[in-house]
Structures are given as structure tokens and as C-alpha cells.
């Protein structure tokens, strides 16, 4: 009996020693961090925040994403402070940042899926997970040492500090109108870029309706889009690497997105703003790392007929005219097809000479858009597709194609055919096309300026010489009160002897007479 008791006491003593030994090696998530030579700065921050006791709670369960020493150094540098400065922050501020790194459940690396969104102890924002092959990211921070086991959870070391800041990604995630965009961003593994709190970004965000329209035009499904090897390039064509608010945009501006394959073309038409063919329907939605502008269409990095002209040193005047006429949205549409007959700079110089004006005068023409659309046909027509006869243009007028000697369009000659793009073809021509029903004198009439109007003493007339030979002033009773020839571009006429009232000035050219009204008022 005595021997049996001694044996049981030995067994009991051994068991107790094993329990005590195991307890001495038991490590909480805090212990794992504090025992790591790569997390000494984090340990100091945890202690300063008063979270050491919390993370040692053996009755709780945690997943801690632990920024390493380099990560703490980097965030201090980004904020323009030192690590000791960080430790001097109010305890509540430090706890606010640190609890954004902690989940109240145990999540091993095997439990993380691409696009997973988890709510940490700091519920002011969520954590966004990206799995890219064997790489795992928490927001913009990469996991560099996963699955450091503890008795009350698990620690994953990360290479950056994550912040609670609202990012451009959060704006899209929180929007009911951008579910396809969010799916695409997740699939393209772009969440790390868009959740970086130290970046400055501008995102042009197509709505779900915009994606539906684009998918229909392309004849593909959403699944096809998400599986496309070009998905990331398409999305990065919607992102600028700087914060650009709508007030910073200008008409004709070319902006370089993160996808360097092409530029974004900005059009401002009154209150309307376009990015390529897409209209901005919601501007200046601010995030802590940039701004989001909502688009009603998906823009693609495809080369368009507009790009061919923009990239040509011989078509700077044509590009300036297209910009001024607000035609970039039409010509940059990747889902359209055009044939453009593109006058070169010399052709516009010749037109300016014929109109006795300059580039500014041409850009000021009220029918500039109509003139330019007379150079564009719907559909892609290579030179081999053209036939003798009339061709209807986008302004509803018709040009005459003559293939008897090369390719002629009305009286102009195609000097460089078949410059193909993804949405059509450009043929360079040596003259600006003028529709038969709108000759040079009719266009020149639009350039005539009369000022001041009203006047009490003298009026000045600009832009009439060269296209009109003479002018006459007619009073309200139809009587001709003055007639003179036009022998200079600027003509000043003394009207002090005329009574107050409305008068008509008629300008006579070789083929046309045009009229303008002006008012004489001694009380002007």
C-alpha cells in the first residue's frame, strides 16, 4: 500500500512539473511580438498604447497583423516624424491605429481569400485582403511572415503600417453603383495600390450601367472581362497618379494615367466634363488618398482616330480645331468606327489665307463643328473600300470621291491614306473640305467684327477685306447713307453725322452679299 502511494505521488509530481513547464513556454500574441527582434518598435508602440495587457488575455482570440521595424520606420518617415515621436502620441491615438491591425478571431493564412473584407477591432474601416499567387496583402501591406502561432491566436508580420484612412477603394466599395468595378479591381489584384494611404490618386470610376454597356458593345460577359489578361491595364487607364479635382481640368488637356499605353483626353463643354467619350456624372468625391470622379462609360486605352491626329506634327491645327469644337468625345469613342479625311497644317494655313484671317479666326468660326464633321464619315473605309461617287458625312452633307487619278475628295487629294486605328482610319488630305452649299465667302462672313456696337461716333470693321469688295450702310427707311470700298483688313468709319437708330451694313463679294446690323446711340 505504501509503495503504491509513493508511485502515485511520483506520477502526480511529474504531471504537475510538465504543466508548469508548458505554462512557462505558453506565448500569447503579445509574447510572440515582444519576442521578435524584427518587432521591437511595434512592441514599444503596443506598450505605449496600453494594449500589452489586452493582447496577453488568454481568454480572448486575436489575429494580429504586426508591422515590422522597417514598417514603423517607413510610416514615421512618411509622417515626417521619428519613432520616438510616435511613442509620444496620446495613448488613445496609438490604440486607434493599432486596433485597426487586430481581428477578434483567429484567421490563419489558409483562411484568407482574395477580396476578403474583414472588420478589425477598430470598426471605423475594414481590412481588404489580396491574394496574388503566394503573396498575401492586407490593404497595401504585404505579409512577410505568416502564421506565427500563439496560445490566444495568430500573428502575421507585415511590411507596412495600415491606416484607418478612407481610400479611393473604400469609395467604390461603399457605392451600390460600382459593384462591377470593385469585382474587377479585386480580380486584377489592384486593391493594394488603391488602399495605399500614402498615395495620391485620381480614379475615374465607371458605373455598373457603364460596364453593362461596354460589355454589350464588346460582345463579352462580365466573366470574360474578369478573366481578360488586359483587365489590369484597362483599370489602370482609369487612374491618375496624382489628385486632380474637376477644377484643375481644362479643355483639351491630355492626362497620363498609370497605364502609359495612351493618354486620357479631357473635354469641357460648358458645365459638362468628358474623359475621352465618357461623361463625368459625379465629380470630386474625396478620399484621404485622392479623389473619385464617376463616369457614365468605360474608357479603353485603344488608339483612336483622334490619337493619330494628336500624335502627328502635321495636324496640330486640326487637333486644335477638334478640341475647340468639343469633338474629342465623339472621335475617342472606342466602340465607334470612323473614316476621317484629315487636312494637314498647310491646308488650314491656305484656308486662313483665303479667309484673310489666322488660326484664331478659324477656331472662332461658329460653324467650326459643322466644317469638321464634313470631314468624317461613319464606318471604316480604307482607300480600297472607296468608290467613285458621293459619300455622306457626319454633318449630313456629301463629298464626291474621284478615283480616276489617285484618291480625290472634292478638290482635295489624299496624300497619305490608310492610317488605321482601333476605331477607324485616317486619310490625310491637302485641302480643307468646304461644303458646296457653304462657300468661302459664307464662312468669311462669320469672321466679320463690328465694334463698338452700339456706337456714337466711330465703328471699326475687321475681317471683311479680302473676301468682300465694298460695304454700304442702310438706314431704317432703306436709304443708302454711306458706301465705301474695302481695301484694308481693318476699316474705321465716322458715323457721328448719323441719327440714333438701327442701321444695316451690307458687304458685297464676288458671289455673295451679307448683312450685319449695328446701333447708333448718343447715350451708349
Protein backbone atom coordinates (compact mmCIF):
# COMPACT_ATOMS: atom_id res chain seq x y z
CA UNK A 1 0.00 0.00 0.00
CA UNK A 2 2.80 2.36 0.92
CA UNK A 3 4.65 1.59 -2.34
CA UNK A 4 1.53 2.30 -4.35
CA UNK A 5 1.07 5.69 -2.69
CA UNK A 6 4.69 6.60 -3.40
CA UNK A 7 4.25 5.69 -7.07
CA UNK A 8 1.12 7.84 -7.40
CA UNK A 9 2.87 10.75 -5.75
CA UNK A 10 5.72 10.47 -8.24
CA UNK A 11 3.30 10.42 -11.15
CA UNK A 12 1.38 13.38 -9.78
CA UNK A 13 4.58 15.33 -9.21
CA UNK A 14 5.79 14.63 -12.79
CA UNK A 15 2.46 15.69 -14.28
CA UNK A 16 2.48 18.91 -12.31
CA UNK A 17 6.02 19.70 -13.45
CA UNK A 18 5.00 19.18 -17.09
CA UNK A 19 2.06 21.54 -16.72
CA UNK A 20 4.28 24.18 -15.17
CA UNK A 21 6.86 23.69 -17.91
CA UNK A 22 4.23 24.11 -20.64
CA UNK A 23 2.88 27.21 -18.96
CA UNK A 24 6.35 28.72 -18.88
CA UNK A 25 6.57 28.33 -22.69
CA UNK A 26 2.99 29.44 -23.42
CA UNK A 27 3.09 32.53 -25.70
CA UNK A 28 0.27 34.98 -26.30
CA UNK A 29 0.16 37.13 -29.44
CA UNK A 30 1.84 39.84 -27.37
CA UNK A 31 4.62 37.46 -26.36
CA UNK A 32 5.18 36.43 -29.99
CA UNK A 33 5.59 40.10 -30.98
CA UNK A 34 7.68 41.05 -27.94
CA UNK A 35 9.99 38.09 -28.51
CA UNK A 36 10.67 39.00 -32.15
CA UNK A 37 13.84 41.01 -32.92
CA UNK A 38 12.03 42.37 -36.01
CA UNK A 39 9.17 43.88 -33.97
CA UNK A 40 10.86 45.84 -31.20
CA UNK A 41 9.36 49.13 -32.40
CA UNK A 42 5.88 47.63 -32.54
CA UNK A 43 6.31 46.25 -29.04
CA UNK A 44 7.21 49.72 -27.79
CA UNK A 45 4.14 51.20 -29.52
CA UNK A 46 1.88 48.48 -28.05
CA UNK A 47 3.22 49.21 -24.58
CA UNK A 48 2.79 52.97 -25.03
CA UNK A 49 -0.79 52.40 -26.19
CA UNK A 50 -1.54 50.26 -23.14
CA UNK A 51 -2.53 47.30 -25.30
CA UNK A 52 0.04 44.86 -23.90
CA UNK A 53 -2.42 43.59 -21.25
CA UNK A 54 -5.19 43.25 -23.84
CA UNK A 55 -3.07 41.14 -26.20
CA UNK A 56 -1.93 38.91 -23.33
CA UNK A 57 -5.53 37.99 -22.48
CA UNK A 58 -5.57 34.19 -22.59
CA UNK A 59 -9.38 34.10 -22.69
CA UNK A 60 -9.55 36.09 -25.93
CA UNK A 61 -8.73 35.16 -29.52
CA UNK A 62 -6.86 37.51 -31.85
CA UNK A 63 -5.29 37.79 -35.26
CA UNK A 64 -2.62 40.49 -35.24
CA UNK A 65 -1.10 41.97 -38.39
CA UNK A 66 2.23 43.10 -37.00
CA UNK A 67 4.23 45.80 -38.84
CA UNK A 68 7.94 45.05 -38.59
CA UNK A 69 10.62 47.56 -37.59
CA UNK A 70 11.15 48.75 -41.17
CA UNK A 71 7.41 49.36 -41.50
CA UNK A 72 7.39 51.51 -38.35
CA UNK A 73 10.43 53.44 -39.64
CA UNK A 74 8.71 53.98 -43.00
CA UNK A 75 5.45 55.29 -41.53
CA UNK A 76 7.37 57.65 -39.24
CA UNK A 77 9.31 58.99 -42.24
CA UNK A 78 6.11 59.34 -44.29
CA UNK A 79 4.56 61.36 -41.46
CA UNK A 80 7.72 63.46 -41.08
CA UNK A 81 8.45 62.32 -37.53
CA UNK A 82 10.70 59.84 -35.72
CA UNK A 83 9.77 56.60 -33.96
CA UNK A 84 10.27 58.26 -30.53
CA UNK A 85 7.86 60.97 -31.73
CA UNK A 86 5.30 58.26 -32.46
CA UNK A 87 5.65 56.91 -28.93
CA UNK A 88 4.82 60.37 -27.60
CA UNK A 89 1.41 60.42 -29.30
CA UNK A 90 -1.61 60.27 -26.99
CA UNK A 91 -2.35 56.74 -25.85
CA UNK A 92 -5.80 56.84 -27.42
CA UNK A 93 -4.35 57.78 -30.83
CA UNK A 94 -1.86 54.93 -30.72
CA UNK A 95 -4.58 52.48 -29.68
CA UNK A 96 -6.78 53.76 -32.54
CA UNK A 97 -4.08 52.90 -35.08
CA UNK A 98 -3.06 49.58 -33.52
CA UNK A 99 -6.59 48.16 -33.11
CA UNK A 100 -7.01 48.56 -36.89
CA UNK A 101 -4.37 45.80 -37.12
CA UNK A 102 -6.26 43.31 -34.92
CA UNK A 103 -9.14 40.91 -35.59
CA UNK A 104 -11.09 39.32 -32.74
CA UNK A 105 -10.97 35.89 -34.39
CA UNK A 106 -8.10 33.62 -35.37
CA UNK A 107 -7.51 33.71 -39.12
CA UNK A 108 -4.60 31.61 -40.40
CA UNK A 109 -3.11 32.43 -43.78
CA UNK A 110 -5.05 29.49 -45.26
CA UNK A 111 -8.25 31.23 -44.23
CA UNK A 112 -7.51 34.38 -46.27
CA UNK A 113 -9.17 34.63 -49.71
CA UNK A 114 -8.69 37.20 -52.44
CA UNK A 115 -11.09 40.10 -51.94
CA UNK A 116 -11.91 39.15 -48.34
CA UNK A 117 -13.09 42.14 -46.30
CA UNK A 118 -12.78 41.87 -42.51
CA UNK A 119 -13.74 44.23 -39.70
CA UNK A 120 -10.96 44.75 -37.12
CA UNK A 121 -11.29 45.89 -33.50
CA UNK A 122 -11.28 49.45 -34.83
CA UNK A 123 -14.56 49.39 -36.71
CA UNK A 124 -14.10 52.75 -38.45
CA UNK A 125 -12.89 50.91 -41.56
CA UNK A 126 -12.42 47.40 -42.90
CA UNK A 127 -9.30 45.50 -43.87
CA UNK A 128 -9.11 44.44 -47.53
CA UNK A 129 -7.22 41.27 -48.41
CA UNK A 130 -5.49 40.43 -51.68
CA UNK A 131 -4.09 37.01 -52.52
CA UNK A 132 -1.82 37.08 -55.57
CA UNK A 133 -0.25 33.67 -56.03
CA UNK A 134 1.70 33.06 -52.83
CA UNK A 135 1.68 36.76 -51.88
CA UNK A 136 -0.86 37.98 -49.35
CA UNK A 137 -1.65 41.65 -48.75
CA UNK A 138 -3.61 43.42 -46.02
CA UNK A 139 -4.65 46.67 -47.67
CA UNK A 140 -1.32 47.80 -49.18
CA UNK A 141 0.87 45.88 -46.68
CA UNK A 142 2.38 42.54 -47.69
CA UNK A 143 2.56 39.65 -45.24
CA UNK A 144 6.24 38.74 -44.91
CA UNK A 145 6.00 36.13 -42.14
CA UNK A 146 2.63 34.38 -41.72
CA UNK A 147 1.16 32.07 -39.09
CA UNK A 148 3.25 32.88 -36.02
CA UNK A 149 1.20 30.74 -33.63
CA UNK A 150 0.17 31.88 -30.15
CA UNK A 151 -2.00 30.43 -27.40
CA UNK A 152 -4.64 33.09 -27.95
CA UNK A 153 -4.48 33.47 -31.73
CA UNK A 154 -2.02 34.07 -34.53
CA UNK A 155 0.39 36.80 -35.66
CA UNK A 156 1.15 37.69 -39.28
CA UNK A 157 4.12 40.01 -39.79
CA UNK A 158 3.57 42.72 -42.44
CA UNK A 159 5.90 45.16 -44.21
CA UNK A 160 3.81 48.34 -43.78
CA UNK A 161 1.57 50.06 -41.29
CA UNK A 162 -2.09 50.08 -42.35
CA UNK A 163 -4.16 53.15 -41.51
CA UNK A 164 -7.87 53.64 -40.95
CA UNK A 165 -7.97 56.34 -43.67
CA UNK A 166 -10.82 56.22 -46.20
CA UNK A 167 -9.28 55.48 -49.58
CA UNK A 168 -10.46 55.68 -53.18
CA UNK A 169 -11.05 51.92 -52.93
CA UNK A 170 -13.41 52.47 -50.00
CA UNK A 171 -15.47 54.96 -52.02
CA UNK A 172 -16.05 52.34 -54.73
CA UNK A 173 -16.64 49.53 -52.22
CA UNK A 174 -19.24 51.60 -50.37
CA UNK A 175 -21.07 52.57 -53.59
CA UNK A 176 -24.05 50.46 -54.73
CA UNK A 177 -23.38 51.64 -58.30
CA UNK A 178 -19.83 50.29 -58.63
CA UNK A 179 -20.07 46.57 -57.86
CA UNK A 180 -18.57 45.51 -61.21
CA UNK A 181 -15.70 47.96 -60.81
CA UNK A 182 -14.94 46.57 -57.34
CA UNK A 183 -15.05 42.98 -58.65
CA UNK A 184 -12.65 43.96 -61.42
CA UNK A 185 -10.26 45.72 -59.01
CA UNK A 186 -10.26 42.63 -56.74
CA UNK A 187 -9.69 40.25 -59.65
CA UNK A 188 -6.89 42.42 -61.06
CA UNK A 189 -5.19 42.46 -57.64
CA UNK A 190 -5.21 46.26 -57.56
CA UNK A 191 -6.54 46.71 -54.02
CA UNK A 192 -3.00 47.11 -52.59
CA UNK A 193 -2.39 50.09 -54.91
CA UNK A 194 -5.74 51.76 -54.28
CA UNK A 195 -5.70 51.29 -50.49
CA UNK A 196 -2.25 52.84 -50.03
CA UNK A 197 -2.87 55.71 -47.57
CA UNK A 198 0.33 57.46 -48.64
CA UNK A 199 -0.56 57.59 -52.35
CA UNK A 200 -2.38 60.41 -54.14
CA UNK A 201 -4.70 59.10 -56.85
CA UNK A 202 -7.50 60.21 -59.16
CA UNK A 203 -9.92 57.47 -60.15
CA UNK A 204 -12.40 57.83 -62.99
CA UNK A 205 -14.96 55.25 -61.89
CA UNK A 206 -17.40 53.75 -64.45
CA UNK A 207 -20.77 52.75 -63.01
CA UNK A 208 -22.34 49.30 -63.29
CA UNK A 209 -24.51 50.63 -66.13
CA UNK A 210 -21.36 51.81 -67.91
CA UNK A 211 -19.81 48.35 -67.63
CA UNK A 212 -23.02 46.71 -68.88
CA UNK A 213 -22.99 48.99 -71.91
CA UNK A 214 -19.30 48.32 -72.61
CA UNK A 215 -19.71 44.57 -72.28
CA UNK A 216 -22.62 44.68 -74.71
CA UNK A 217 -20.61 46.71 -77.22
CA UNK A 218 -17.69 44.29 -76.93
CA UNK A 219 -19.95 41.22 -77.10
CA UNK A 220 -18.48 39.66 -73.96
CA UNK A 221 -19.71 38.75 -70.48
CA UNK A 222 -18.60 40.10 -67.12
CA UNK A 223 -16.82 36.79 -66.59
CA UNK A 224 -14.92 37.28 -69.84
CA UNK A 225 -13.84 40.72 -68.68
CA UNK A 226 -12.67 39.47 -65.28
CA UNK A 227 -10.69 36.69 -66.99
CA UNK A 228 -9.07 39.04 -69.51
CA UNK A 229 -5.27 39.36 -69.28
CA UNK A 230 -5.80 43.06 -70.11
CA UNK A 231 -8.04 43.69 -67.09
CA UNK A 232 -5.40 45.46 -65.00
CA UNK A 233 -4.34 47.62 -67.97
CA UNK A 234 -7.94 48.65 -68.60
CA UNK A 235 -8.46 49.61 -64.96
CA UNK A 236 -5.14 51.47 -64.66
CA UNK A 237 -6.18 53.54 -67.70
CA UNK A 238 -8.84 54.99 -65.35
CA UNK A 239 -6.33 56.09 -62.68
CA UNK A 240 -4.01 59.10 -62.44
CA UNK A 241 -1.03 59.08 -60.11
CA UNK A 242 -1.97 62.44 -58.57
CA UNK A 243 -5.06 64.07 -57.08
CA UNK A 244 -6.80 66.09 -59.81
CA UNK A 245 -10.08 67.77 -58.88
CA UNK A 246 -12.52 68.85 -61.58
CA UNK A 247 -11.46 72.48 -61.24
CA UNK A 248 -7.93 71.50 -62.28
CA UNK A 249 -9.12 70.05 -65.59
CA UNK A 250 -9.01 72.09 -68.79
CA UNK A 251 -10.49 71.64 -72.26
CA UNK A 252 -8.13 69.69 -74.49
CA UNK A 253 -5.95 68.56 -71.59
CA UNK A 254 -4.06 65.31 -72.11
CA UNK A 255 -3.63 63.42 -68.84
CA UNK A 256 -1.26 60.48 -68.40
CA UNK A 257 -2.84 57.62 -66.40
CA UNK A 258 -0.99 54.81 -64.65
CA UNK A 259 -1.40 52.76 -67.83
CA UNK A 260 1.15 54.52 -70.03
CA UNK A 261 -0.15 52.99 -73.27
CA UNK A 262 -2.31 56.05 -74.02
CA UNK A 263 -3.40 59.40 -72.65
CA UNK A 264 -6.81 60.49 -71.40
CA UNK A 265 -8.34 63.35 -73.37
CA UNK A 266 -10.31 65.92 -71.37
CA UNK A 267 -13.18 67.92 -72.86
CA UNK A 268 -15.02 70.69 -71.02
CA UNK A 269 -18.18 71.87 -72.73
CA UNK A 270 -19.91 74.41 -70.52
CA UNK A 271 -20.68 72.54 -67.31
CA UNK A 272 -20.13 69.13 -68.87
CA UNK A 273 -16.81 67.33 -68.41
CA UNK A 274 -15.74 64.36 -70.53
CA UNK A 275 -12.86 61.92 -70.20
CA UNK A 276 -12.45 60.56 -73.72
CA UNK A 277 -16.04 59.66 -74.66
CA UNK A 278 -17.21 59.22 -71.05
CA UNK A 279 -19.08 62.00 -69.25
CA UNK A 280 -18.34 62.79 -65.62
CA UNK A 281 -21.66 62.35 -63.81
CA UNK A 282 -20.32 62.72 -60.26
CA UNK A 283 -17.27 64.86 -59.54
CA UNK A 284 -14.93 65.40 -56.60
CA UNK A 285 -15.78 62.53 -54.26
CA UNK A 286 -12.87 62.96 -51.89
CA UNK A 287 -10.90 60.27 -50.09
CA UNK A 288 -7.87 60.55 -47.81
CA UNK A 289 -5.62 59.35 -50.64
CA UNK A 290 -7.20 61.09 -53.62
CA UNK A 291 -10.44 61.79 -55.41
CA UNK A 292 -13.01 59.82 -57.41
CA UNK A 293 -14.98 61.07 -60.43
CA UNK A 294 -17.89 58.90 -61.59
CA UNK A 295 -18.08 58.12 -65.34
CA UNK A 296 -21.04 57.02 -67.45
CA UNK A 297 -18.84 54.91 -69.74
CA UNK A 298 -15.77 52.70 -69.66
CA UNK A 299 -12.72 54.25 -71.33
CA UNK A 300 -10.25 52.00 -73.12
CA UNK A 301 -6.57 52.58 -73.95
CA UNK A 302 -7.27 51.79 -77.63
CA UNK A 303 -5.64 54.01 -80.23
CA UNK A 304 -8.33 56.12 -81.88
CA UNK A 305 -8.53 58.34 -84.94
CA UNK A 306 -8.07 61.26 -82.52
CA UNK A 307 -4.76 59.77 -81.34
CA UNK A 308 -3.47 59.57 -84.91
CA UNK A 309 -4.02 63.31 -85.33
CA UNK A 310 -2.71 64.16 -81.85
CA UNK A 311 0.48 62.20 -82.48
CA UNK A 312 1.08 63.85 -85.87
CA UNK A 313 3.23 67.02 -86.03
CA UNK A 314 1.48 67.88 -89.30
CA UNK A 315 -2.01 68.09 -87.77
CA UNK A 316 -1.66 70.46 -84.84
CA UNK A 317 -4.21 72.88 -86.33
CA UNK A 318 -6.72 70.10 -86.91
CA UNK A 319 -6.29 68.94 -83.31
CA UNK A 320 -6.75 72.50 -82.01
CA UNK A 321 -9.95 72.76 -84.07
CA UNK A 322 -11.27 69.41 -82.83
CA UNK A 323 -10.60 70.47 -79.25
CA UNK A 324 -12.27 73.86 -79.74
CA UNK A 325 -15.30 72.26 -81.39
CA UNK A 326 -15.61 69.79 -78.47
CA UNK A 327 -15.44 66.80 -80.81
CA UNK A 328 -12.89 64.74 -78.83
CA UNK A 329 -15.63 62.75 -77.04
CA UNK A 330 -17.01 61.59 -80.39
CA UNK A 331 -13.66 60.77 -82.00
CA UNK A 332 -12.24 58.95 -78.95
CA UNK A 333 -15.19 56.56 -78.67
CA UNK A 334 -13.59 53.09 -78.78
CA UNK A 335 -16.91 51.49 -79.69
CA UNK A 336 -17.46 53.60 -82.84
CA UNK A 337 -15.90 53.41 -86.31
CA UNK A 338 -14.93 56.45 -88.37
CA UNK A 339 -13.29 57.44 -91.62
CA UNK A 340 -11.55 60.80 -91.21
CA UNK A 341 -10.21 62.93 -94.05
CA UNK A 342 -7.61 64.97 -92.14
CA UNK A 343 -6.39 68.30 -93.60
CA UNK A 344 -2.76 68.97 -92.70
CA UNK A 345 -1.44 72.23 -91.27
CA UNK A 346 -0.67 73.63 -94.73
CA UNK A 347 -4.28 73.05 -95.73
CA UNK A 348 -5.52 75.10 -92.78
CA UNK A 349 -2.95 77.81 -93.49
CA UNK A 350 -4.32 78.07 -97.03
CA UNK A 351 -7.87 78.34 -95.69
CA UNK A 352 -6.81 81.07 -93.28
CA UNK A 353 -5.28 82.99 -96.20
CA UNK A 354 -8.46 82.62 -98.24
CA UNK A 355 -10.46 83.94 -95.28
CA UNK A 356 -7.99 86.76 -94.57
CA UNK A 357 -7.63 85.50 -91.04
CA UNK A 358 -5.40 83.30 -88.88
CA UNK A 359 -5.72 80.19 -86.73
CA UNK A 360 -7.59 82.13 -84.04
CA UNK A 361 -10.09 83.27 -86.64
CA UNK A 362 -10.67 79.72 -87.85
CA UNK A 363 -11.15 78.46 -84.29
CA UNK A 364 -13.68 81.26 -83.72
CA UNK A 365 -15.92 80.17 -86.59
CA UNK A 366 -19.44 79.50 -85.26
CA UNK A 367 -19.84 76.63 -87.73
CA UNK A 368 -16.46 75.06 -86.88
CA UNK A 369 -18.05 71.82 -85.70
CA UNK A 370 -20.08 71.52 -88.90
CA UNK A 371 -16.96 72.10 -91.02
CA UNK A 372 -15.02 69.41 -89.15
CA UNK A 373 -17.86 66.87 -89.26
CA UNK A 374 -17.90 67.37 -93.04
CA UNK A 375 -14.52 65.57 -92.92
CA UNK A 376 -15.80 62.48 -91.06
CA UNK A 377 -17.82 59.52 -92.35
CA UNK A 378 -19.31 56.72 -90.29
CA UNK A 379 -17.63 53.32 -90.61
CA UNK A 380 -14.09 52.34 -91.53
CA UNK A 381 -13.38 52.88 -95.25
CA UNK A 382 -9.87 52.09 -96.38
CA UNK A 383 -8.81 53.57 -99.71
CA UNK A 384 -9.64 50.24 -101.38
CA UNK A 385 -13.18 50.45 -99.99
CA UNK A 386 -13.88 53.88 -101.52
CA UNK A 387 -15.89 54.09 -104.74
CA UNK A 388 -16.50 56.85 -107.26
CA UNK A 389 -19.46 58.99 -106.32
CA UNK A 390 -20.89 60.69 -103.25
CA UNK A 391 -20.15 59.79 -99.65
CA UNK A 392 -22.35 61.02 -96.81
CA UNK A 393 -20.52 62.69 -93.94
CA UNK A 394 -21.49 63.10 -90.28
CA UNK A 395 -22.82 66.62 -90.83
CA UNK A 396 -25.32 65.09 -93.34
CA UNK A 397 -23.54 66.69 -96.27
CA UNK A 398 -21.87 64.71 -99.07
CA UNK A 399 -18.40 64.73 -100.57
CA UNK A 400 -17.51 63.47 -104.03
CA UNK A 401 -14.95 60.66 -104.27
CA UNK A 402 -12.94 60.57 -107.51
CA UNK A 403 -10.63 57.58 -108.04
CA UNK A 404 -9.62 58.37 -111.60
CA UNK A 405 -6.17 59.62 -110.53
CA UNK A 406 -5.27 58.53 -107.03
CA UNK A 407 -7.93 59.42 -104.47
CA UNK A 408 -9.60 62.81 -104.51
CA UNK A 409 -12.23 64.08 -102.09
CA UNK A 410 -13.99 67.03 -103.70
CA UNK A 411 -11.00 69.07 -104.93
CA UNK A 412 -8.55 67.78 -102.31
CA UNK A 413 -6.04 64.98 -102.83
CA UNK A 414 -5.37 62.17 -100.38
CA UNK A 415 -1.64 62.43 -99.68
CA UNK A 416 -1.32 59.69 -97.02
CA UNK A 417 -4.03 57.00 -96.99
CA UNK A 418 -4.96 54.22 -94.58
CA UNK A 419 -3.61 55.37 -91.22
CA UNK A 420 -5.53 52.78 -89.26
CA UNK A 421 -6.55 52.90 -85.60
CA UNK A 422 -8.71 50.78 -83.31
CA UNK A 423 -11.82 52.82 -84.11
CA UNK A 424 -11.32 53.66 -87.76
CA UNK A 425 -8.98 55.06 -90.37
CA UNK A 426 -7.47 58.44 -91.24
CA UNK A 427 -6.65 59.67 -94.75
CA UNK A 428 -4.50 62.83 -94.90
CA UNK A 429 -5.71 65.44 -97.44
CA UNK A 430 -4.13 68.64 -98.75
CA UNK A 431 -7.17 70.95 -98.55
CA UNK A 432 -9.86 71.76 -96.02
CA UNK A 433 -13.15 70.49 -97.39
CA UNK A 434 -15.77 73.20 -97.86
CA UNK A 435 -19.30 72.02 -98.47
CA UNK A 436 -20.80 73.16 -101.79
CA UNK A 437 -23.62 74.99 -100.05
CA UNK A 438 -21.19 76.91 -97.84
CA UNK A 439 -18.51 78.65 -99.91
CA UNK A 440 -15.54 80.67 -98.71
CA UNK A 441 -17.45 83.97 -98.68
CA UNK A 442 -20.18 82.49 -96.46
CA UNK A 443 -17.56 81.28 -93.99
CA UNK A 444 -15.69 84.58 -94.18
CA UNK A 445 -18.90 86.41 -93.29
CA UNK A 446 -18.86 84.72 -89.91
CA UNK A 447 -15.47 86.33 -89.18
CA UNK A 448 -16.65 89.92 -89.66
CA UNK A 449 -16.49 92.00 -86.47
CA UNK A 450 -18.19 95.38 -85.93
CA UNK A 451 -17.31 97.30 -82.77
CA UNK A 452 -18.22 99.11 -80.68
CA UNK A 453 -21.85 98.22 -81.11
CA UNK A 454 -23.73 100.39 -80.19
CA UNK A 455 -21.59 103.41 -81.10
CA UNK A 456 -21.99 107.18 -81.05
CA UNK A 457 -19.00 108.28 -83.14
CA UNK A 458 -16.88 105.68 -84.94
CA UNK A 459 -17.23 101.99 -85.79
CA UNK A 460 -14.40 99.64 -86.72
CA UNK A 461 -14.89 96.71 -89.10
CA UNK A 462 -12.48 93.77 -89.05
CA UNK A 463 -12.31 90.64 -91.18
CA UNK A 464 -14.13 91.83 -94.31
CA UNK A 465 -11.24 92.75 -96.61
CA UNK A 466 -10.05 90.03 -98.98
CA UNK A 467 -13.44 88.39 -99.32
CA UNK A 468 -15.70 91.42 -99.80
CA UNK A 469 -15.05 94.36 -102.10
CA UNK A 470 -17.29 97.08 -100.70
CA UNK A 471 -19.78 97.94 -97.99
CA UNK A 472 -22.84 100.13 -97.74
CA UNK A 473 -24.74 101.44 -94.71
CA UNK A 474 -28.55 101.40 -94.98
CA UNK A 475 -30.79 103.29 -92.55
CA UNK A 476 -34.11 102.16 -91.11
CA UNK A 477 -36.04 103.54 -94.11
CA UNK A 478 -33.93 101.56 -96.60
CA UNK A 479 -31.90 104.56 -97.72
CA UNK A 480 -28.19 104.12 -98.50
CA UNK A 481 -26.41 106.69 -96.31
CA UNK A 482 -22.81 105.63 -96.94
CA UNK A 483 -20.85 103.47 -99.40
CA UNK A 484 -17.13 102.70 -99.46
CA UNK A 485 -14.64 100.21 -100.81
CA UNK A 486 -12.75 97.72 -98.60
CA UNK A 487 -9.02 97.97 -99.13
CA UNK A 488 -7.66 97.00 -95.71
CA UNK A 489 -8.41 94.35 -93.13
CA UNK A 490 -9.50 96.95 -90.58
CA UNK A 491 -11.76 99.81 -91.63
CA UNK A 492 -12.88 102.68 -89.36
CA UNK A 493 -15.97 104.67 -90.33
CA UNK A 494 -17.15 108.02 -88.93
CA UNK A 495 -20.86 107.74 -88.03
CA UNK A 496 -21.15 110.89 -85.91
CA UNK A 497 -23.36 112.54 -88.55
CA UNK A 498 -25.94 109.74 -88.45
CA UNK A 499 -29.07 109.89 -86.30
CA UNK A 500 -29.66 107.44 -83.46
CA UNK A 501 -31.23 104.15 -84.53
CA UNK A 502 -30.54 100.78 -86.12
CA UNK A 503 -28.58 100.56 -89.36
CA UNK A 504 -27.63 97.69 -91.67
CA UNK A 505 -24.19 97.25 -93.18
CA UNK A 506 -24.11 95.17 -96.37
CA UNK A 507 -20.85 93.60 -97.54
CA UNK A 508 -20.63 92.73 -101.25
CA UNK A 509 -18.31 89.99 -102.56
CA UNK A 510 -17.89 88.35 -105.93
CA UNK A 511 -20.60 85.78 -105.26
CA UNK A 512 -22.41 86.90 -102.16
CA UNK A 513 -23.86 89.81 -100.20
CA UNK A 514 -24.06 89.53 -96.42
CA UNK A 515 -25.54 91.91 -93.86
CA UNK A 516 -24.85 92.96 -90.29
CA UNK A 517 -26.84 95.27 -88.00
CA UNK A 518 -25.49 97.90 -85.64
CA UNK A 519 -26.95 100.60 -83.39
CA UNK A 520 -26.08 104.29 -83.19
CA UNK A 521 -26.90 105.74 -79.79
CA UNK A 522 -25.67 109.01 -78.33
CA UNK A 523 -26.44 107.50 -74.89
CA UNK A 524 -24.40 104.35 -75.35
